[in-house]
Amino acid sequence: EKQSGKISIADQQGSEQENRRRELL
């Protein structure tokens, strides 16, 4: 399947961390 380009790609899991926005020290 990999050789043929038929590769299963897992969906990105949504999480609170993806939406979290803060400035790092």
PDB file of all heavy atoms in Angstrom:
ATOM      1  N   GLU A   1       0.835  -1.207   0.000  1.00  0.00           N
ATOM      2  CA  GLU A   1       0.000   0.000   0.000  1.00  0.00           C
ATOM      3  C   GLU A   1       0.869   1.257   0.000  1.00  0.00           C
ATOM      4  O   GLU A   1       0.558   2.240  -0.688  1.00  0.00           O
ATOM      5  CB  GLU A   1      -0.934  -0.010   1.208  1.00  0.00           C
ATOM      6  CG  GLU A   1      -2.024  -1.057   1.118  1.00  0.00           C
ATOM      7  CD  GLU A   1      -2.896  -1.120   2.351  1.00  0.00           C
ATOM      8  OE1 GLU A   1      -2.447  -0.631   3.417  1.00  0.00           O
ATOM      9  OE2 GLU A   1      -4.010  -1.657   2.265  1.00  0.00           O
ATOM     10  N   LYS A   2       1.936   1.203   0.745  1.00  0.00           N
ATOM     11  CA  LYS A   2       2.878   2.325   0.760  1.00  0.00           C
ATOM     12  C   LYS A   2       3.508   2.518  -0.613  1.00  0.00           C
ATOM     13  O   LYS A   2       3.664   3.646  -1.097  1.00  0.00           O
ATOM     14  CB  LYS A   2       3.962   2.076   1.811  1.00  0.00           C
ATOM     15  CG  LYS A   2       5.003   3.176   1.923  1.00  0.00           C
ATOM     16  CD  LYS A   2       6.034   2.820   2.977  1.00  0.00           C
ATOM     17  CE  LYS A   2       7.152   3.862   3.035  1.00  0.00           C
ATOM     18  NZ  LYS A   2       8.186   3.495   4.020  1.00  0.00           N
ATOM     19  N   GLN A   3       3.879   1.418  -1.255  1.00  0.00           N
ATOM     20  CA  GLN A   3       4.487   1.487  -2.586  1.00  0.00           C
ATOM     21  C   GLN A   3       3.518   2.065  -3.619  1.00  0.00           C
ATOM     22  O   GLN A   3       3.943   2.713  -4.578  1.00  0.00           O
ATOM     23  CB  GLN A   3       4.921   0.090  -3.041  1.00  0.00           C
ATOM     24  CG  GLN A   3       6.056  -0.515  -2.245  1.00  0.00           C
ATOM     25  CD  GLN A   3       7.365   0.242  -2.386  1.00  0.00           C
ATOM     26  OE1 GLN A   3       7.777   0.964  -1.484  1.00  0.00           O
ATOM     27  NE2 GLN A   3       8.000   0.108  -3.514  1.00  0.00           N
ATOM     28  N   SER A   4       2.227   1.812  -3.429  1.00  0.00           N
ATOM     29  CA  SER A   4       1.230   2.285  -4.396  1.00  0.00           C
ATOM     30  C   SER A   4       0.732   3.685  -4.085  1.00  0.00           C
ATOM     31  O   SER A   4      -0.043   4.259  -4.841  1.00  0.00           O
ATOM     32  CB  SER A   4       0.031   1.327  -4.423  1.00  0.00           C
ATOM     33  OG  SER A   4      -0.683   1.404  -3.208  1.00  0.00           O
ATOM     34  N   GLY A   5       1.178   4.227  -2.935  1.00  0.00           N
ATOM     35  CA  GLY A   5       0.727   5.553  -2.540  1.00  0.00           C
ATOM     36  C   GLY A   5      -0.561   5.515  -1.749  1.00  0.00           C
ATOM     37  O   GLY A   5      -1.120   6.550  -1.392  1.00  0.00           O
ATOM     38  N   LYS A   6      -1.042   4.319  -1.475  1.00  0.00           N
ATOM     39  CA  LYS A   6      -2.283   4.160  -0.720  1.00  0.00           C
ATOM     40  C   LYS A   6      -1.948   4.048   0.757  1.00  0.00           C
ATOM     41  O   LYS A   6      -1.883   2.972   1.345  1.00  0.00           O
ATOM     42  CB  LYS A   6      -3.011   2.897  -1.183  1.00  0.00           C
ATOM     43  CG  LYS A   6      -4.389   2.699  -0.578  1.00  0.00           C
ATOM     44  CD  LYS A   6      -5.018   1.432  -1.147  1.00  0.00           C
ATOM     45  CE  LYS A   6      -6.371   1.157  -0.517  1.00  0.00           C
ATOM     46  NZ  LYS A   6      -6.970  -0.089  -1.053  1.00  0.00           N
ATOM     47  N   ILE A   7      -1.683   5.219   1.371  1.00  0.00           N
ATOM     48  CA  ILE A   7      -1.225   5.249   2.766  1.00  0.00           C
ATOM     49  C   ILE A   7      -2.314   5.824   3.649  1.00  0.00           C
ATOM     50  O   ILE A   7      -2.882   6.874   3.348  1.00  0.00           O
ATOM     51  CB  ILE A   7       0.053   6.102   2.910  1.00  0.00           C
ATOM     52  CG1 ILE A   7       1.137   5.574   1.957  1.00  0.00           C
ATOM     53  CG2 ILE A   7       0.546   6.103   4.343  1.00  0.00           C
ATOM     54  CD1 ILE A   7       2.348   6.461   1.886  1.00  0.00           C
ATOM     55  N   SER A   8      -2.623   5.139   4.708  1.00  0.00           N
ATOM     56  CA  SER A   8      -3.614   5.647   5.661  1.00  0.00           C
ATOM     57  C   SER A   8      -2.973   6.704   6.542  1.00  0.00           C
ATOM     58  O   SER A   8      -1.926   6.465   7.160  1.00  0.00           O
ATOM     59  CB  SER A   8      -4.146   4.506   6.540  1.00  0.00           C
ATOM     60  OG  SER A   8      -4.750   3.522   5.736  1.00  0.00           O
ATOM     61  N   ILE A   9      -3.584   7.864   6.590  1.00  0.00           N
ATOM     62  CA  ILE A   9      -3.048   8.955   7.394  1.00  0.00           C
ATOM     63  C   ILE A   9      -4.018   9.237   8.535  1.00  0.00           C
ATOM     64  O   ILE A   9      -5.201   9.507   8.312  1.00  0.00           O
ATOM     65  CB  ILE A   9      -2.855  10.234   6.551  1.00  0.00           C
ATOM     66  CG1 ILE A   9      -1.909   9.941   5.385  1.00  0.00           C
ATOM     67  CG2 ILE A   9      -2.334  11.378   7.400  1.00  0.00           C
ATOM     68  CD1 ILE A   9      -1.740  11.090   4.428  1.00  0.00           C
ATOM     69  N   ALA A  10      -3.531   9.152   9.737  1.00  0.00           N
ATOM     70  CA  ALA A  10      -4.384   9.380  10.901  1.00  0.00           C
ATOM     71  C   ALA A  10      -4.779  10.850  10.974  1.00  0.00           C
ATOM     72  O   ALA A  10      -3.969  11.739  10.705  1.00  0.00           O
ATOM     73  CB  ALA A  10      -3.639   8.972  12.174  1.00  0.00           C
ATOM     74  N   ASP A  11      -6.045  11.088  11.308  1.00  0.00           N
ATOM     75  CA  ASP A  11      -6.500  12.466  11.462  1.00  0.00           C
ATOM     76  C   ASP A  11      -5.854  13.089  12.684  1.00  0.00           C
ATOM     77  O   ASP A  11      -5.629  12.429  13.699  1.00  0.00           O
ATOM     78  CB  ASP A  11      -8.026  12.509  11.639  1.00  0.00           C
ATOM     79  CG  ASP A  11      -8.741  12.029  10.378  1.00  0.00           C
ATOM     80  OD1 ASP A  11      -8.154  12.186   9.288  1.00  0.00           O
ATOM     81  OD2 ASP A  11      -9.876  11.515  10.507  1.00  0.00           O
ATOM     82  N   GLN A  12      -5.572  14.384  12.575  1.00  0.00           N
ATOM     83  CA  GLN A  12      -5.009  15.079  13.719  1.00  0.00           C
ATOM     84  C   GLN A  12      -6.069  15.189  14.796  1.00  0.00           C
ATOM     85  O   GLN A  12      -7.220  15.515  14.531  1.00  0.00           O
ATOM     86  CB  GLN A  12      -4.523  16.474  13.319  1.00  0.00           C
ATOM     87  CG  GLN A  12      -3.290  16.444  12.445  1.00  0.00           C
ATOM     88  CD  GLN A  12      -2.755  17.842  12.210  1.00  0.00           C
ATOM     89  OE1 GLN A  12      -3.428  18.821  12.483  1.00  0.00           O
ATOM     90  NE2 GLN A  12      -1.555  17.927  11.715  1.00  0.00           N
ATOM     91  N   GLN A  13      -5.687  14.888  16.001  1.00  0.00           N
ATOM     92  CA  GLN A  13      -6.630  14.949  17.100  1.00  0.00           C
ATOM     93  C   GLN A  13      -6.715  16.374  17.615  1.00  0.00           C
ATOM     94  O   GLN A  13      -5.709  17.010  17.907  1.00  0.00           O
ATOM     95  CB  GLN A  13      -6.197  14.017  18.230  1.00  0.00           C
ATOM     96  CG  GLN A  13      -6.233  12.546  17.839  1.00  0.00           C
ATOM     97  CD  GLN A  13      -5.824  11.667  18.989  1.00  0.00           C
ATOM     98  OE1 GLN A  13      -5.366  12.155  20.008  1.00  0.00           O
ATOM     99  NE2 GLN A  13      -6.015  10.373  18.824  1.00  0.00           N
ATOM    100  N   GLY A  14      -7.932  16.842  17.701  1.00  0.00           N
ATOM    101  CA  GLY A  14      -8.118  18.183  18.244  1.00  0.00           C
ATOM    102  C   GLY A  14      -7.944  18.147  19.751  1.00  0.00           C
ATOM    103  O   GLY A  14      -8.250  17.183  20.413  1.00  0.00           O
ATOM    104  N   SER A  15      -7.440  19.191  20.304  1.00  0.00           N
ATOM    105  CA  SER A  15      -7.271  19.251  21.758  1.00  0.00           C
ATOM    106  C   SER A  15      -7.239  20.706  22.200  1.00  0.00           C
ATOM    107  O   SER A  15      -7.072  21.616  21.387  1.00  0.00           O
ATOM    108  CB  SER A  15      -5.971  18.569  22.176  1.00  0.00           C
ATOM    109  OG  SER A  15      -4.863  19.309  21.713  1.00  0.00           O
ATOM    110  N   GLU A  16      -7.391  20.871  23.463  1.00  0.00           N
ATOM    111  CA  GLU A  16      -7.347  22.223  24.011  1.00  0.00           C
ATOM    112  C   GLU A  16      -5.970  22.844  23.794  1.00  0.00           C
ATOM    113  O   GLU A  16      -5.836  24.053  23.635  1.00  0.00           O
ATOM    114  CB  GLU A  16      -7.665  22.192  25.511  1.00  0.00           C
ATOM    115  CG  GLU A  16      -9.094  21.805  25.819  1.00  0.00           C
ATOM    116  CD  GLU A  16      -9.381  21.807  27.294  1.00  0.00           C
ATOM    117  OE1 GLU A  16      -8.475  22.224  28.058  1.00  0.00           O
ATOM    118  OE2 GLU A  16     -10.485  21.405  27.691  1.00  0.00           O
ATOM    119  N   GLN A  17      -4.940  21.970  23.751  1.00  0.00           N
ATOM    120  CA  GLN A  17      -3.582  22.486  23.597  1.00  0.00           C
ATOM    121  C   GLN A  17      -3.382  23.151  22.249  1.00  0.00           C
ATOM    122  O   GLN A  17      -2.618  24.105  22.130  1.00  0.00           O
ATOM    123  CB  GLN A  17      -2.569  21.342  23.748  1.00  0.00           C
ATOM    124  CG  GLN A  17      -2.492  20.817  25.179  1.00  0.00           C
ATOM    125  CD  GLN A  17      -1.490  19.695  25.307  1.00  0.00           C
ATOM    126  OE1 GLN A  17      -1.046  19.156  24.300  1.00  0.00           O
ATOM    127  NE2 GLN A  17      -1.143  19.353  26.535  1.00  0.00           N
ATOM    128  N   GLU A  18      -4.092  22.631  21.193  1.00  0.00           N
ATOM    129  CA  GLU A  18      -3.940  23.212  19.862  1.00  0.00           C
ATOM    130  C   GLU A  18      -4.463  24.635  19.834  1.00  0.00           C
ATOM    131  O   GLU A  18      -3.968  25.479  19.088  1.00  0.00           O
ATOM    132  CB  GLU A  18      -4.712  22.368  18.831  1.00  0.00           C
ATOM    133  CG  GLU A  18      -4.037  21.077  18.469  1.00  0.00           C
ATOM    134  CD  GLU A  18      -4.775  20.403  17.339  1.00  0.00           C
ATOM    135  OE1 GLU A  18      -4.727  20.925  16.205  1.00  0.00           O
ATOM    136  OE2 GLU A  18      -5.402  19.368  17.591  1.00  0.00           O
ATOM    137  N   ASN A  19      -5.492  24.896  20.616  1.00  0.00           N
ATOM    138  CA  ASN A  19      -6.133  26.210  20.609  1.00  0.00           C
ATOM    139  C   ASN A  19      -5.564  27.155  21.659  1.00  0.00           C
ATOM    140  O   ASN A  19      -5.944  28.336  21.714  1.00  0.00           O
ATOM    141  CB  ASN A  19      -7.643  26.048  20.835  1.00  0.00           C
ATOM    142  CG  ASN A  19      -8.271  25.181  19.759  1.00  0.00           C
ATOM    143  OD1 ASN A  19      -7.938  25.316  18.596  1.00  0.00           O
ATOM    144  ND2 ASN A  19      -9.167  24.275  20.154  1.00  0.00           N
ATOM    145  N   ARG A  20      -4.710  26.578  22.474  1.00  0.00           N
ATOM    146  CA  ARG A  20      -4.167  27.400  23.541  1.00  0.00           C
ATOM    147  C   ARG A  20      -3.145  28.361  22.980  1.00  0.00           C
ATOM    148  O   ARG A  20      -2.273  27.986  22.208  1.00  0.00           O
ATOM    149  CB  ARG A  20      -3.524  26.512  24.604  1.00  0.00           C
ATOM    150  CG  ARG A  20      -3.080  27.273  25.867  1.00  0.00           C
ATOM    151  CD  ARG A  20      -2.415  26.323  26.834  1.00  0.00           C
ATOM    152  NE  ARG A  20      -3.335  25.264  27.225  1.00  0.00           N
ATOM    153  CZ  ARG A  20      -2.955  24.108  27.709  1.00  0.00           C
ATOM    154  NH1 ARG A  20      -1.686  23.830  27.823  1.00  0.00           N
ATOM    155  NH2 ARG A  20      -3.847  23.203  28.032  1.00  0.00           N
ATOM    156  N   ARG A  21      -3.264  29.593  23.350  1.00  0.00           N
ATOM    157  CA  ARG A  21      -2.333  30.623  22.883  1.00  0.00           C
ATOM    158  C   ARG A  21      -1.811  31.392  24.093  1.00  0.00           C
ATOM    159  O   ARG A  21      -2.589  31.983  24.842  1.00  0.00           O
ATOM    160  CB  ARG A  21      -3.033  31.604  21.923  1.00  0.00           C
ATOM    161  CG  ARG A  21      -3.559  30.946  20.660  1.00  0.00           C
ATOM    162  CD  ARG A  21      -2.388  30.575  19.730  1.00  0.00           C
ATOM    163  NE  ARG A  21      -2.869  30.044  18.467  1.00  0.00           N
ATOM    164  CZ  ARG A  21      -3.095  28.764  18.259  1.00  0.00           C
ATOM    165  NH1 ARG A  21      -2.895  27.881  19.211  1.00  0.00           N
ATOM    166  NH2 ARG A  21      -3.538  28.347  17.080  1.00  0.00           N
ATOM    167  N   ARG A  22      -0.550  31.361  24.254  1.00  0.00           N
ATOM    168  CA  ARG A  22       0.051  32.159  25.320  1.00  0.00           C
ATOM    169  C   ARG A  22       1.491  32.432  24.978  1.00  0.00           C
ATOM    170  O   ARG A  22       2.118  31.674  24.245  1.00  0.00           O
ATOM    171  CB  ARG A  22      -0.043  31.469  26.675  1.00  0.00           C
ATOM    172  CG  ARG A  22       0.863  30.254  26.845  1.00  0.00           C
ATOM    173  CD  ARG A  22       0.675  29.652  28.221  1.00  0.00           C
ATOM    174  NE  ARG A  22       1.540  28.507  28.437  1.00  0.00           N
ATOM    175  CZ  ARG A  22       2.775  28.585  28.896  1.00  0.00           C
ATOM    176  NH1 ARG A  22       3.318  29.774  29.168  1.00  0.00           N
ATOM    177  NH2 ARG A  22       3.489  27.500  29.081  1.00  0.00           N
ATOM    178  N   GLU A  23       2.011  33.477  25.486  1.00  0.00           N
ATOM    179  CA  GLU A  23       3.405  33.825  25.250  1.00  0.00           C
ATOM    180  C   GLU A  23       4.279  33.074  26.239  1.00  0.00           C
ATOM    181  O   GLU A  23       3.977  33.018  27.418  1.00  0.00           O
ATOM    182  CB  GLU A  23       3.615  35.328  25.422  1.00  0.00           C
ATOM    183  CG  GLU A  23       2.956  36.163  24.345  1.00  0.00           C
ATOM    184  CD  GLU A  23       3.304  37.635  24.487  1.00  0.00           C
ATOM    185  OE1 GLU A  23       4.080  37.963  25.404  1.00  0.00           O
ATOM    186  OE2 GLU A  23       2.792  38.428  23.681  1.00  0.00           O
ATOM    187  N   LEU A  24       5.373  32.475  25.712  1.00  0.00           N
ATOM    188  CA  LEU A  24       6.298  31.755  26.579  1.00  0.00           C
ATOM    189  C   LEU A  24       7.325  32.712  27.165  1.00  0.00           C
ATOM    190  O   LEU A  24       7.756  33.669  26.512  1.00  0.00           O
ATOM    191  CB  LEU A  24       7.022  30.672  25.777  1.00  0.00           C
ATOM    192  CG  LEU A  24       6.146  29.544  25.226  1.00  0.00           C
ATOM    193  CD1 LEU A  24       7.003  28.626  24.366  1.00  0.00           C
ATOM    194  CD2 LEU A  24       5.485  28.764  26.332  1.00  0.00           C
ATOM    195  N   LEU A  25       7.711  32.440  28.391  1.00  0.00           N
ATOM    196  CA  LEU A  25       8.793  33.205  28.992  1.00  0.00           C
ATOM    197  C   LEU A  25      10.083  32.864  28.265  1.00  0.00           C
ATOM    198  O   LEU A  25      10.229  31.796  27.667  1.00  0.00           O
ATOM    199  CB  LEU A  25       8.923  32.859  30.475  1.00  0.00           C
ATOM    200  CG  LEU A  25       7.699  33.186  31.352  1.00  0.00           C
ATOM    201  CD1 LEU A  25       7.914  32.663  32.761  1.00  0.00           C
ATOM    202  CD2 LEU A  25       7.449  34.688  31.373  1.00  0.00           C
TER     203      LEU A  25
END
